[in-house]
């Protein structure tokens, strides 16, 4: 996705384990896309979002209830 859509790509990591999603987030971030990781307090399992944060791949770290409003705000704000 990131290689084709670049800056138009959005990656969101929610609760989960492993590192594969964190690696994907890094590629999205490096291609200029927007990346969001769920914060530790609202996660059931903070493994994968924590890895993305540690890699510096998460541009936004938010509670789950703040993710959709951020996306809507970004979609409808004129540049």
C-alpha atoms as a PDB file:
ATOM      1  CA  UNK A   1       0.000   0.000   0.000  1.00  0.00           C
ATOM      2  CA  UNK A   2       2.635   2.501   1.072  1.00  0.00           C
ATOM      3  CA  UNK A   3       4.746   1.912  -2.019  1.00  0.00           C
ATOM      4  CA  UNK A   4       1.790   2.623  -4.313  1.00  0.00           C
ATOM      5  CA  UNK A   5      -0.244   5.251  -2.418  1.00  0.00           C
ATOM      6  CA  UNK A   6       2.569   6.966  -0.464  1.00  0.00           C
ATOM      7  CA  UNK A   7       1.256  10.015   1.408  1.00  0.00           C
ATOM      8  CA  UNK A   8      -2.366   8.891   0.946  1.00  0.00           C
ATOM      9  CA  UNK A   9      -1.774   5.756   3.040  1.00  0.00           C
ATOM     10  CA  UNK A  10      -3.078   5.548   6.605  1.00  0.00           C
ATOM     11  CA  UNK A  11      -1.952   2.817   8.991  1.00  0.00           C
ATOM     12  CA  UNK A  12      -3.685   2.145  12.293  1.00  0.00           C
ATOM     13  CA  UNK A  13      -2.450  -0.379  14.849  1.00  0.00           C
ATOM     14  CA  UNK A  14      -4.911  -1.521  17.460  1.00  0.00           C
ATOM     15  CA  UNK A  15      -4.441  -3.912  20.359  1.00  0.00           C
ATOM     16  CA  UNK A  16      -2.408  -7.005  19.466  1.00  0.00           C
ATOM     17  CA  UNK A  17       0.856  -8.905  19.675  1.00  0.00           C
ATOM     18  CA  UNK A  18       3.857  -9.274  17.403  1.00  0.00           C
ATOM     19  CA  UNK A  19       5.988  -6.944  15.328  1.00  0.00           C
ATOM     20  CA  UNK A  20       4.796  -7.407  11.729  1.00  0.00           C
ATOM     21  CA  UNK A  21       2.280  -4.567  11.948  1.00  0.00           C
ATOM     22  CA  UNK A  22       4.900  -2.304  13.519  1.00  0.00           C
ATOM     23  CA  UNK A  23       7.236  -2.938  10.588  1.00  0.00           C
ATOM     24  CA  UNK A  24       4.435  -2.104   8.157  1.00  0.00           C
ATOM     25  CA  UNK A  25       3.753   1.113  10.048  1.00  0.00           C
ATOM     26  CA  UNK A  26       7.388   2.091   9.665  1.00  0.00           C
ATOM     27  CA  UNK A  27       7.143   1.687   5.876  1.00  0.00           C
ATOM     28  CA  UNK A  28       3.960   3.793   5.805  1.00  0.00           C
ATOM     29  CA  UNK A  29       5.553   6.504   7.934  1.00  0.00           C
ATOM     30  CA  UNK A  30       8.705   6.566   5.798  1.00  0.00           C
ATOM     31  CA  UNK A  31       6.596   6.930   2.641  1.00  0.00           C
ATOM     32  CA  UNK A  32       4.883  10.011   4.069  1.00  0.00           C
ATOM     33  CA  UNK A  33       1.620   8.335   5.088  1.00  0.00           C
ATOM     34  CA  UNK A  34      -0.144   8.883   8.395  1.00  0.00           C
ATOM     35  CA  UNK A  35       0.316   6.351  11.201  1.00  0.00           C
ATOM     36  CA  UNK A  36      -1.722   5.914  14.357  1.00  0.00           C
ATOM     37  CA  UNK A  37      -1.163   3.517  17.260  1.00  0.00           C
ATOM     38  CA  UNK A  38      -3.654   2.776  19.999  1.00  0.00           C
ATOM     39  CA  UNK A  39      -2.341   3.873  23.385  1.00  0.00           C
ATOM     40  CA  UNK A  40      -1.427   1.402  26.108  1.00  0.00           C
ATOM     41  CA  UNK A  41      -4.190   2.407  28.485  1.00  0.00           C
ATOM     42  CA  UNK A  42      -6.998   1.520  26.060  1.00  0.00           C
ATOM     43  CA  UNK A  43      -5.355  -1.671  24.656  1.00  0.00           C
ATOM     44  CA  UNK A  44      -6.182  -5.167  25.827  1.00  0.00           C
ATOM     45  CA  UNK A  45      -2.740  -6.274  24.562  1.00  0.00           C
ATOM     46  CA  UNK A  46      -0.232  -3.433  24.071  1.00  0.00           C
ATOM     47  CA  UNK A  47       2.369  -5.518  22.185  1.00  0.00           C
ATOM     48  CA  UNK A  48       2.186  -4.400  18.567  1.00  0.00           C
ATOM     49  CA  UNK A  49       1.277  -0.742  19.167  1.00  0.00           C
ATOM     50  CA  UNK A  50       4.125  -0.573  21.706  1.00  0.00           C
ATOM     51  CA  UNK A  51       6.543  -1.942  19.089  1.00  0.00           C
ATOM     52  CA  UNK A  52       5.441   0.663  16.541  1.00  0.00           C
ATOM     53  CA  UNK A  53       5.961   3.422  19.102  1.00  0.00           C
ATOM     54  CA  UNK A  54       9.411   2.046  19.978  1.00  0.00           C
ATOM     55  CA  UNK A  55      10.361   2.021  16.270  1.00  0.00           C
ATOM     56  CA  UNK A  56       9.306   5.653  15.948  1.00  0.00           C
ATOM     57  CA  UNK A  57       6.711   4.548  13.386  1.00  0.00           C
ATOM     58  CA  UNK A  58       3.622   5.913  15.178  1.00  0.00           C
ATOM     59  CA  UNK A  59       3.041   9.584  14.453  1.00  0.00           C
ATOM     60  CA  UNK A  60      -0.053   9.637  16.668  1.00  0.00           C
ATOM     61  CA  UNK A  61      -0.630   7.585  19.852  1.00  0.00           C
ATOM     62  CA  UNK A  62      -4.259   7.820  20.892  1.00  0.00           C
ATOM     63  CA  UNK A  63      -6.950   6.149  22.974  1.00  0.00           C
ATOM     64  CA  UNK A  64      -9.205   4.114  20.701  1.00  0.00           C
ATOM     65  CA  UNK A  65     -12.116   6.548  21.021  1.00  0.00           C
ATOM     66  CA  UNK A  66      -9.973   9.401  19.605  1.00  0.00           C
ATOM     67  CA  UNK A  67      -8.811   7.615  16.444  1.00  0.00           C
ATOM     68  CA  UNK A  68     -11.959   8.045  14.324  1.00  0.00           C
ATOM     69  CA  UNK A  69     -12.343  11.750  15.185  1.00  0.00           C
ATOM     70  CA  UNK A  70      -8.719  12.367  14.128  1.00  0.00           C
ATOM     71  CA  UNK A  71      -9.313  10.610  10.812  1.00  0.00           C
ATOM     72  CA  UNK A  72     -12.516  12.528  10.164  1.00  0.00           C
ATOM     73  CA  UNK A  73     -10.795  15.802  11.014  1.00  0.00           C
ATOM     74  CA  UNK A  74      -7.916  15.043   8.621  1.00  0.00           C
ATOM     75  CA  UNK A  75     -10.329  14.027   5.830  1.00  0.00           C
ATOM     76  CA  UNK A  76     -12.471  17.145   6.004  1.00  0.00           C
ATOM     77  CA  UNK A  77      -9.906  19.852   6.753  1.00  0.00           C
ATOM     78  CA  UNK A  78      -9.071  21.815   3.623  1.00  0.00           C
ATOM     79  CA  UNK A  79      -5.380  22.402   3.019  1.00  0.00           C
END
